[in-house]
């Protein structure tokens, strides 16, 4: 066993983990962060996407011991004060989900996309989320949701400046 210290969704944790434990399994099984889903365990689908030190990563490709000393944000940690994150709200309003399985990873990847490109074109959105697979929606409403969130997030950022 190896001890790790990690901040997840703003809370500090110190746990013993097997060195081979994937971050996705640590989050789900030890911390109860079940919003981060296990899709394929091969990094193909992106359902397990979280933010590790502010960067989007597929948590099935990261060992929990690699997150030692890091800040992890999961889908459960992006809402603030009981209010949905603008991306969560946009996915709901624009019907950017059907079965919902890919939604947590898709939202996390989309937030990271907007962090790096606050006003993406449709093709840039499609390229930005290409590592996340959805087998239900056809992506049209997902792209619309990201566009709506981009507008809302940029107007909120402008109001705060």
N, C-alpha and C. Protein backbone atom coordinates (compact mmCIF):
# COMPACT_ATOMS: atom_id res chain seq x y z
N UNK A 1 0.84 -1.18 0.00
CA UNK A 1 0.00 0.00 0.00
C UNK A 1 0.89 1.25 0.00
N UNK A 2 0.37 2.27 -0.65
CA UNK A 2 1.06 3.55 -0.73
C UNK A 2 0.10 4.62 -0.24
N UNK A 3 0.60 5.53 0.59
CA UNK A 3 -0.25 6.60 1.07
C UNK A 3 -0.22 7.77 0.09
N UNK A 4 -1.41 8.29 -0.20
CA UNK A 4 -1.51 9.48 -1.04
C UNK A 4 -2.28 10.57 -0.29
N UNK A 5 -1.95 11.80 -0.63
CA UNK A 5 -2.66 12.97 -0.12
C UNK A 5 -3.15 13.74 -1.33
N UNK A 6 -4.44 13.95 -1.39
CA UNK A 6 -5.04 14.57 -2.57
C UNK A 6 -6.22 15.44 -2.13
N UNK A 7 -6.44 16.50 -2.88
CA UNK A 7 -7.64 17.33 -2.67
C UNK A 7 -8.62 16.98 -3.79
N UNK A 8 -9.82 16.61 -3.41
CA UNK A 8 -10.86 16.26 -4.38
C UNK A 8 -12.07 17.13 -4.09
N UNK A 9 -12.45 17.90 -5.08
CA UNK A 9 -13.61 18.78 -4.97
C UNK A 9 -13.51 19.67 -3.73
N UNK A 10 -12.30 20.11 -3.44
CA UNK A 10 -12.07 21.05 -2.34
C UNK A 10 -11.82 20.43 -0.99
N UNK A 11 -11.96 19.12 -0.85
CA UNK A 11 -11.73 18.45 0.43
C UNK A 11 -10.42 17.66 0.36
N UNK A 12 -9.71 17.62 1.47
CA UNK A 12 -8.42 16.91 1.53
C UNK A 12 -8.64 15.47 1.99
N UNK A 13 -7.91 14.58 1.35
CA UNK A 13 -7.98 13.16 1.68
C UNK A 13 -6.57 12.61 1.81
N UNK A 14 -6.39 11.71 2.77
CA UNK A 14 -5.15 10.97 2.93
C UNK A 14 -5.55 9.51 3.04
N UNK A 15 -5.15 8.72 2.04
CA UNK A 15 -5.59 7.33 1.97
C UNK A 15 -4.45 6.41 1.56
N UNK A 16 -4.57 5.16 1.97
CA UNK A 16 -3.68 4.12 1.49
C UNK A 16 -4.32 3.48 0.27
N UNK A 17 -3.54 3.34 -0.80
CA UNK A 17 -4.03 2.73 -2.03
C UNK A 17 -3.02 1.73 -2.54
N UNK A 18 -3.53 0.75 -3.25
CA UNK A 18 -2.64 -0.16 -3.96
C UNK A 18 -1.97 0.64 -5.08
N UNK A 19 -0.70 0.46 -5.32
CA UNK A 19 -0.02 1.24 -6.36
C UNK A 19 -0.63 1.11 -7.75
N UNK A 20 -1.34 0.03 -8.01
CA UNK A 20 -1.93 -0.18 -9.33
C UNK A 20 -3.36 0.37 -9.46
N UNK A 21 -3.89 0.98 -8.41
CA UNK A 21 -5.26 1.49 -8.42
C UNK A 21 -5.38 2.68 -9.37
N UNK A 22 -6.32 2.59 -10.28
CA UNK A 22 -6.58 3.71 -11.18
C UNK A 22 -7.30 4.83 -10.43
N UNK A 23 -7.05 6.06 -10.86
CA UNK A 23 -7.69 7.20 -10.23
C UNK A 23 -9.21 7.08 -10.26
N UNK A 24 -9.78 6.62 -11.37
CA UNK A 24 -11.23 6.47 -11.47
C UNK A 24 -11.77 5.53 -10.39
N UNK A 25 -11.05 4.45 -10.12
CA UNK A 25 -11.50 3.49 -9.10
C UNK A 25 -11.33 4.06 -7.70
N UNK A 26 -10.25 4.80 -7.47
CA UNK A 26 -10.06 5.47 -6.19
C UNK A 26 -11.20 6.45 -5.93
N UNK A 27 -11.51 7.27 -6.92
CA UNK A 27 -12.58 8.26 -6.76
C UNK A 27 -13.92 7.60 -6.46
N UNK A 28 -14.24 6.55 -7.20
CA UNK A 28 -15.53 5.90 -7.05
C UNK A 28 -15.61 5.03 -5.79
N UNK A 29 -14.62 4.18 -5.60
CA UNK A 29 -14.70 3.15 -4.57
C UNK A 29 -14.27 3.63 -3.20
N UNK A 30 -13.29 4.51 -3.12
CA UNK A 30 -12.82 4.96 -1.81
C UNK A 30 -13.46 6.29 -1.40
N UNK A 31 -13.75 7.14 -2.37
CA UNK A 31 -14.29 8.45 -2.02
C UNK A 31 -15.79 8.58 -2.32
N UNK A 32 -16.35 7.62 -3.02
CA UNK A 32 -17.78 7.66 -3.33
C UNK A 32 -18.17 8.68 -4.39
N UNK A 33 -17.20 9.10 -5.19
CA UNK A 33 -17.46 10.07 -6.27
C UNK A 33 -17.93 9.30 -7.50
N UNK A 34 -19.16 8.79 -7.44
CA UNK A 34 -19.67 7.90 -8.49
C UNK A 34 -20.16 8.63 -9.73
N UNK A 35 -20.13 9.96 -9.71
CA UNK A 35 -20.45 10.71 -10.92
C UNK A 35 -19.40 10.52 -12.00
N UNK A 36 -18.18 10.22 -11.58
CA UNK A 36 -17.12 9.88 -12.51
C UNK A 36 -17.31 8.41 -12.86
N UNK A 37 -17.73 8.15 -14.09
CA UNK A 37 -18.12 6.80 -14.45
C UNK A 37 -17.00 6.03 -15.13
N UNK A 38 -17.06 4.73 -15.01
CA UNK A 38 -16.14 3.83 -15.72
C UNK A 38 -16.84 3.45 -17.01
N UNK A 39 -16.24 3.83 -18.10
CA UNK A 39 -16.82 3.50 -19.40
C UNK A 39 -16.15 2.30 -20.00
N UNK A 40 -14.95 2.51 -20.49
CA UNK A 40 -14.28 1.46 -21.26
C UNK A 40 -13.02 0.93 -20.60
N UNK A 41 -12.46 1.65 -19.63
CA UNK A 41 -11.18 1.29 -18.99
C UNK A 41 -10.02 1.24 -19.97
N UNK A 42 -10.18 1.82 -21.15
CA UNK A 42 -9.10 1.81 -22.14
C UNK A 42 -8.79 3.20 -22.67
N UNK A 43 -9.38 4.22 -22.12
CA UNK A 43 -9.21 5.63 -22.48
C UNK A 43 -9.86 5.99 -23.82
N UNK A 44 -10.69 5.14 -24.35
CA UNK A 44 -11.33 5.43 -25.63
C UNK A 44 -12.57 6.30 -25.51
N UNK A 45 -13.33 6.19 -24.42
CA UNK A 45 -14.64 6.83 -24.38
C UNK A 45 -14.67 8.19 -23.69
N UNK A 46 -13.81 8.44 -22.73
CA UNK A 46 -13.78 9.72 -22.04
C UNK A 46 -14.82 9.89 -20.96
N UNK A 47 -15.61 8.88 -20.66
CA UNK A 47 -16.66 9.00 -19.64
C UNK A 47 -16.09 9.32 -18.26
N UNK A 48 -14.85 8.96 -18.03
CA UNK A 48 -14.22 9.14 -16.72
C UNK A 48 -13.42 10.43 -16.59
N UNK A 49 -13.62 11.37 -17.50
CA UNK A 49 -12.83 12.60 -17.51
C UNK A 49 -13.05 13.43 -16.25
N UNK A 50 -11.94 13.85 -15.65
CA UNK A 50 -11.92 14.74 -14.49
C UNK A 50 -10.86 15.81 -14.76
N UNK A 51 -10.77 16.77 -13.88
CA UNK A 51 -9.70 17.77 -13.98
C UNK A 51 -8.65 17.44 -12.92
N UNK A 52 -7.42 17.31 -13.35
CA UNK A 52 -6.29 17.04 -12.47
C UNK A 52 -5.39 18.26 -12.54
N UNK A 53 -5.30 18.97 -11.43
CA UNK A 53 -4.56 20.23 -11.39
C UNK A 53 -5.00 21.16 -12.52
N UNK A 54 -6.31 21.19 -12.75
CA UNK A 54 -6.88 22.11 -13.72
C UNK A 54 -6.87 21.65 -15.16
N UNK A 55 -6.34 20.48 -15.43
CA UNK A 55 -6.29 19.95 -16.79
C UNK A 55 -7.19 18.74 -16.92
N UNK A 56 -7.86 18.64 -18.06
CA UNK A 56 -8.75 17.53 -18.34
C UNK A 56 -7.93 16.25 -18.56
N UNK A 57 -8.26 15.19 -17.81
CA UNK A 57 -7.60 13.89 -17.98
C UNK A 57 -8.64 12.78 -17.92
N UNK A 58 -8.34 11.71 -18.57
CA UNK A 58 -9.17 10.51 -18.46
C UNK A 58 -8.65 9.74 -17.25
N UNK A 59 -9.47 9.66 -16.22
CA UNK A 59 -9.00 9.11 -14.95
C UNK A 59 -8.75 7.61 -14.99
N UNK A 60 -9.11 6.95 -16.09
CA UNK A 60 -8.76 5.53 -16.23
C UNK A 60 -7.34 5.36 -16.76
N UNK A 61 -6.68 6.48 -17.08
CA UNK A 61 -5.29 6.40 -17.57
C UNK A 61 -4.30 6.92 -16.54
N UNK A 62 -4.80 7.30 -15.38
CA UNK A 62 -3.96 7.87 -14.33
C UNK A 62 -4.04 6.98 -13.10
N UNK A 63 -2.90 6.65 -12.55
CA UNK A 63 -2.90 5.90 -11.30
C UNK A 63 -3.19 6.86 -10.15
N UNK A 64 -3.86 6.37 -9.13
CA UNK A 64 -4.16 7.21 -7.97
C UNK A 64 -2.87 7.76 -7.36
N UNK A 65 -1.80 6.97 -7.34
CA UNK A 65 -0.54 7.44 -6.76
C UNK A 65 0.05 8.60 -7.57
N UNK A 66 -0.29 8.69 -8.86
CA UNK A 66 0.18 9.81 -9.67
C UNK A 66 -0.53 11.11 -9.30
N UNK A 67 -1.67 11.01 -8.66
CA UNK A 67 -2.42 12.19 -8.24
C UNK A 67 -1.99 12.69 -6.86
N UNK A 68 -1.05 12.00 -6.24
CA UNK A 68 -0.57 12.40 -4.91
C UNK A 68 -0.13 13.86 -4.94
N UNK A 69 -0.64 14.65 -4.01
CA UNK A 69 -0.29 16.06 -3.94
C UNK A 69 -1.04 16.95 -4.91
N UNK A 70 -1.99 16.40 -5.61
CA UNK A 70 -2.70 17.14 -6.65
C UNK A 70 -4.11 17.53 -6.22
N UNK A 71 -4.71 18.38 -7.05
CA UNK A 71 -6.10 18.82 -6.89
C UNK A 71 -6.91 18.13 -7.99
N UNK A 72 -7.96 17.42 -7.61
CA UNK A 72 -8.83 16.74 -8.56
C UNK A 72 -10.22 17.36 -8.45
N UNK A 73 -10.80 17.66 -9.60
CA UNK A 73 -12.18 18.15 -9.63
C UNK A 73 -13.00 17.16 -10.43
N UNK A 74 -14.09 16.70 -9.83
CA UNK A 74 -14.99 15.77 -10.49
C UNK A 74 -16.27 16.51 -10.86
N UNK A 75 -17.14 15.83 -11.54
CA UNK A 75 -18.43 16.40 -11.91
C UNK A 75 -19.20 16.86 -10.67
N UNK A 76 -19.02 16.17 -9.54
CA UNK A 76 -19.70 16.57 -8.30
C UNK A 76 -19.16 17.88 -7.74
N UNK A 77 -17.96 18.26 -8.14
CA UNK A 77 -17.33 19.43 -7.55
C UNK A 77 -17.45 20.72 -8.35
N UNK A 78 -18.16 20.71 -9.47
CA UNK A 78 -18.18 21.92 -10.29
C UNK A 78 -19.36 22.85 -9.99
N UNK A 79 -20.41 22.35 -9.39
CA UNK A 79 -21.53 23.21 -9.01
C UNK A 79 -21.11 24.03 -7.78
N UNK A 80 -21.61 25.24 -7.69
CA UNK A 80 -21.24 26.09 -6.56
C UNK A 80 -22.48 26.64 -5.88
N UNK A 81 -22.51 26.56 -4.57
CA UNK A 81 -23.61 27.13 -3.80
C UNK A 81 -24.97 26.59 -4.17
N UNK A 82 -25.04 25.32 -4.53
CA UNK A 82 -26.31 24.73 -4.91
C UNK A 82 -26.76 25.06 -6.32
N UNK A 83 -25.98 25.84 -7.05
CA UNK A 83 -26.30 26.21 -8.43
C UNK A 83 -25.49 25.34 -9.39
N UNK A 84 -26.14 24.87 -10.43
CA UNK A 84 -25.43 24.11 -11.45
C UNK A 84 -24.37 24.98 -12.10
N UNK A 85 -23.28 24.36 -12.50
CA UNK A 85 -22.26 25.03 -13.31
C UNK A 85 -22.94 25.42 -14.63
N UNK A 86 -22.55 26.53 -15.25
CA UNK A 86 -23.16 26.91 -16.53
C UNK A 86 -23.14 25.80 -17.58
N UNK A 87 -22.12 24.97 -17.58
CA UNK A 87 -22.07 23.87 -18.55
C UNK A 87 -23.12 22.82 -18.22
N UNK A 88 -23.29 22.50 -16.95
CA UNK A 88 -24.33 21.55 -16.56
C UNK A 88 -25.71 22.09 -16.93
N UNK A 89 -25.93 23.35 -16.65
CA UNK A 89 -27.20 23.99 -16.97
C UNK A 89 -27.47 23.96 -18.47
N UNK A 90 -26.45 24.26 -19.27
CA UNK A 90 -26.61 24.28 -20.72
C UNK A 90 -26.90 22.87 -21.26
N UNK A 91 -26.23 21.85 -20.74
CA UNK A 91 -26.50 20.48 -21.18
C UNK A 91 -27.96 20.13 -20.89
N UNK A 92 -28.46 20.57 -19.75
CA UNK A 92 -29.86 20.31 -19.40
C UNK A 92 -30.80 21.07 -20.34
N UNK A 93 -30.56 22.36 -20.50
CA UNK A 93 -31.46 23.19 -21.29
C UNK A 93 -31.45 22.87 -22.78
N UNK A 94 -30.30 22.46 -23.30
CA UNK A 94 -30.18 22.17 -24.73
C UNK A 94 -30.33 20.69 -25.04
N UNK A 95 -30.70 19.90 -24.04
CA UNK A 95 -30.90 18.46 -24.22
C UNK A 95 -29.63 17.79 -24.77
N UNK A 96 -28.49 18.14 -24.16
CA UNK A 96 -27.21 17.59 -24.59
C UNK A 96 -26.91 16.23 -24.01
N UNK A 97 -27.94 15.51 -23.60
CA UNK A 97 -27.74 14.18 -23.06
C UNK A 97 -28.96 13.33 -23.37
N UNK A 98 -28.76 12.06 -23.41
CA UNK A 98 -29.88 11.13 -23.51
C UNK A 98 -29.75 10.12 -22.39
N UNK A 99 -28.93 9.10 -22.57
CA UNK A 99 -28.81 8.13 -21.48
C UNK A 99 -28.03 8.71 -20.31
N UNK A 100 -27.16 9.69 -20.57
CA UNK A 100 -26.42 10.37 -19.51
C UNK A 100 -25.09 9.74 -19.16
N UNK A 101 -24.76 8.61 -19.74
CA UNK A 101 -23.54 7.92 -19.34
C UNK A 101 -22.29 8.73 -19.66
N UNK A 102 -22.24 9.34 -20.83
CA UNK A 102 -21.07 10.10 -21.23
C UNK A 102 -21.06 11.51 -20.65
N UNK A 103 -22.19 11.95 -20.12
CA UNK A 103 -22.38 13.35 -19.76
C UNK A 103 -21.34 13.89 -18.77
N UNK A 104 -21.01 13.21 -17.68
CA UNK A 104 -20.01 13.79 -16.77
C UNK A 104 -18.67 14.07 -17.47
N UNK A 105 -18.18 13.11 -18.22
CA UNK A 105 -16.92 13.30 -18.92
C UNK A 105 -17.02 14.35 -20.01
N UNK A 106 -18.15 14.38 -20.70
CA UNK A 106 -18.36 15.36 -21.76
C UNK A 106 -18.38 16.77 -21.17
N UNK A 107 -19.04 16.95 -20.05
CA UNK A 107 -19.10 18.25 -19.39
C UNK A 107 -17.71 18.67 -18.93
N UNK A 108 -16.98 17.77 -18.32
CA UNK A 108 -15.64 18.11 -17.83
C UNK A 108 -14.70 18.47 -18.97
N UNK A 109 -14.76 17.73 -20.07
CA UNK A 109 -13.93 18.05 -21.24
C UNK A 109 -14.33 19.38 -21.85
N UNK A 110 -15.63 19.67 -21.86
CA UNK A 110 -16.12 20.92 -22.44
C UNK A 110 -15.71 22.13 -21.61
N UNK A 111 -15.71 21.98 -20.30
CA UNK A 111 -15.24 23.07 -19.43
C UNK A 111 -13.77 23.36 -19.71
N UNK A 112 -12.99 22.31 -19.85
CA UNK A 112 -11.57 22.49 -20.15
C UNK A 112 -11.38 23.15 -21.52
N UNK A 113 -12.19 22.76 -22.49
CA UNK A 113 -12.15 23.38 -23.81
C UNK A 113 -12.37 24.88 -23.71
N UNK A 114 -13.39 25.30 -22.97
CA UNK A 114 -13.71 26.72 -22.86
C UNK A 114 -12.66 27.48 -22.06
N UNK A 115 -11.99 26.80 -21.16
CA UNK A 115 -10.90 27.45 -20.42
C UNK A 115 -9.80 27.87 -21.39
N UNK A 116 -9.54 27.04 -22.38
CA UNK A 116 -8.48 27.30 -23.34
C UNK A 116 -8.95 28.07 -24.57
N UNK A 117 -10.26 28.03 -24.85
CA UNK A 117 -10.82 28.70 -26.02
C UNK A 117 -12.23 29.16 -25.64
N UNK A 118 -12.37 30.37 -25.08
CA UNK A 118 -13.65 30.80 -24.55
C UNK A 118 -14.75 31.05 -25.59
N UNK A 119 -14.38 31.13 -26.86
CA UNK A 119 -15.38 31.39 -27.90
C UNK A 119 -15.12 30.48 -29.11
N UNK A 120 -15.28 29.17 -28.93
CA UNK A 120 -14.95 28.25 -30.01
C UNK A 120 -16.02 28.20 -31.09
N UNK A 121 -15.58 27.93 -32.30
CA UNK A 121 -16.51 27.68 -33.41
C UNK A 121 -17.09 26.28 -33.25
N UNK A 122 -18.09 25.97 -34.05
CA UNK A 122 -18.67 24.62 -34.00
C UNK A 122 -17.61 23.56 -34.27
N UNK A 123 -16.77 23.77 -35.25
CA UNK A 123 -15.74 22.77 -35.57
C UNK A 123 -14.71 22.67 -34.45
N UNK A 124 -14.41 23.77 -33.78
CA UNK A 124 -13.47 23.72 -32.65
C UNK A 124 -14.08 22.98 -31.47
N UNK A 125 -15.38 23.13 -31.27
CA UNK A 125 -16.05 22.37 -30.21
C UNK A 125 -15.99 20.89 -30.53
N UNK A 126 -16.33 20.54 -31.76
CA UNK A 126 -16.31 19.12 -32.15
C UNK A 126 -14.90 18.54 -32.00
N UNK A 127 -13.90 19.30 -32.37
CA UNK A 127 -12.52 18.83 -32.21
C UNK A 127 -12.15 18.75 -30.74
N UNK A 128 -12.62 19.70 -29.95
CA UNK A 128 -12.29 19.74 -28.53
C UNK A 128 -12.88 18.61 -27.72
N UNK A 129 -13.99 18.05 -28.17
CA UNK A 129 -14.63 16.96 -27.43
C UNK A 129 -14.44 15.61 -28.12
N UNK A 130 -13.59 15.56 -29.14
CA UNK A 130 -13.48 14.32 -29.91
C UNK A 130 -12.97 13.13 -29.11
N UNK A 131 -12.35 13.35 -27.99
CA UNK A 131 -11.88 12.24 -27.16
C UNK A 131 -12.96 11.68 -26.25
N UNK A 132 -14.18 12.21 -26.36
CA UNK A 132 -15.30 11.76 -25.56
C UNK A 132 -16.39 11.24 -26.49
N UNK A 133 -16.75 10.00 -26.30
CA UNK A 133 -17.74 9.37 -27.18
C UNK A 133 -19.13 9.40 -26.58
N UNK A 134 -20.10 9.69 -27.42
CA UNK A 134 -21.52 9.60 -27.07
C UNK A 134 -22.17 8.71 -28.12
N UNK A 135 -22.85 7.70 -27.67
CA UNK A 135 -23.49 6.79 -28.61
C UNK A 135 -24.98 7.10 -28.80
N UNK A 136 -25.48 8.14 -28.13
CA UNK A 136 -26.92 8.41 -28.17
C UNK A 136 -27.31 9.68 -28.91
N UNK A 137 -26.56 10.77 -28.75
CA UNK A 137 -27.10 12.08 -29.12
C UNK A 137 -26.81 12.53 -30.54
N UNK A 138 -25.78 12.06 -31.17
CA UNK A 138 -25.39 12.60 -32.46
C UNK A 138 -24.64 13.91 -32.33
N UNK A 139 -24.37 14.36 -31.14
CA UNK A 139 -23.52 15.51 -30.82
C UNK A 139 -24.13 16.87 -31.11
N UNK A 140 -25.19 16.98 -31.88
CA UNK A 140 -25.74 18.29 -32.25
C UNK A 140 -26.11 19.09 -31.01
N UNK A 141 -26.85 18.49 -30.10
CA UNK A 141 -27.27 19.22 -28.91
C UNK A 141 -26.12 19.42 -27.93
N UNK A 142 -25.14 18.54 -27.95
CA UNK A 142 -23.95 18.75 -27.12
C UNK A 142 -23.22 20.00 -27.60
N UNK A 143 -23.04 20.14 -28.89
CA UNK A 143 -22.38 21.33 -29.45
C UNK A 143 -23.17 22.57 -29.09
N UNK A 144 -24.49 22.51 -29.20
CA UNK A 144 -25.34 23.66 -28.84
C UNK A 144 -25.19 24.02 -27.36
N UNK A 145 -25.09 23.00 -26.53
CA UNK A 145 -24.92 23.24 -25.09
C UNK A 145 -23.59 23.93 -24.81
N UNK A 146 -22.53 23.48 -25.47
CA UNK A 146 -21.22 24.10 -25.26
C UNK A 146 -21.25 25.55 -25.76
N UNK A 147 -21.91 25.80 -26.87
CA UNK A 147 -22.03 27.16 -27.38
C UNK A 147 -22.79 28.05 -26.39
N UNK A 148 -23.88 27.54 -25.83
CA UNK A 148 -24.65 28.31 -24.85
C UNK A 148 -23.79 28.59 -23.62
N UNK A 149 -23.11 27.57 -23.13
CA UNK A 149 -22.28 27.75 -21.93
C UNK A 149 -21.15 28.73 -22.20
N UNK A 150 -20.58 28.69 -23.39
CA UNK A 150 -19.50 29.63 -23.74
C UNK A 150 -20.01 31.06 -23.64
N UNK A 151 -21.19 31.31 -24.17
CA UNK A 151 -21.77 32.65 -24.09
C UNK A 151 -22.05 33.08 -22.67
N UNK A 152 -22.60 32.16 -21.90
CA UNK A 152 -22.93 32.49 -20.51
C UNK A 152 -21.66 32.68 -19.67
N UNK A 153 -20.68 31.81 -19.88
CA UNK A 153 -19.45 31.90 -19.10
C UNK A 153 -18.65 33.15 -19.45
N UNK A 154 -18.65 33.54 -20.72
CA UNK A 154 -17.90 34.74 -21.11
C UNK A 154 -18.61 35.99 -20.61
N UNK A 155 -19.96 36.01 -20.61
CA UNK A 155 -20.67 37.19 -20.11
C UNK A 155 -20.53 37.29 -18.59
N UNK A 156 -20.48 36.15 -17.89
CA UNK A 156 -20.27 36.15 -16.45
C UNK A 156 -18.86 36.63 -16.12
N UNK A 157 -17.88 36.16 -16.90
CA UNK A 157 -16.50 36.58 -16.68
C UNK A 157 -16.35 38.07 -16.94
N UNK A 158 -17.01 38.57 -17.97
CA UNK A 158 -16.96 39.99 -18.29
C UNK A 158 -17.60 40.83 -17.19
N UNK A 159 -18.66 40.33 -16.58
CA UNK A 159 -19.34 41.05 -15.51
C UNK A 159 -18.50 41.11 -14.25
N UNK A 160 -17.64 40.07 -14.05
CA UNK A 160 -16.80 40.02 -12.86
C UNK A 160 -15.55 40.86 -13.00
N UNK A 161 -15.15 41.20 -14.24
CA UNK A 161 -13.90 41.94 -14.46
C UNK A 161 -14.00 43.40 -14.07
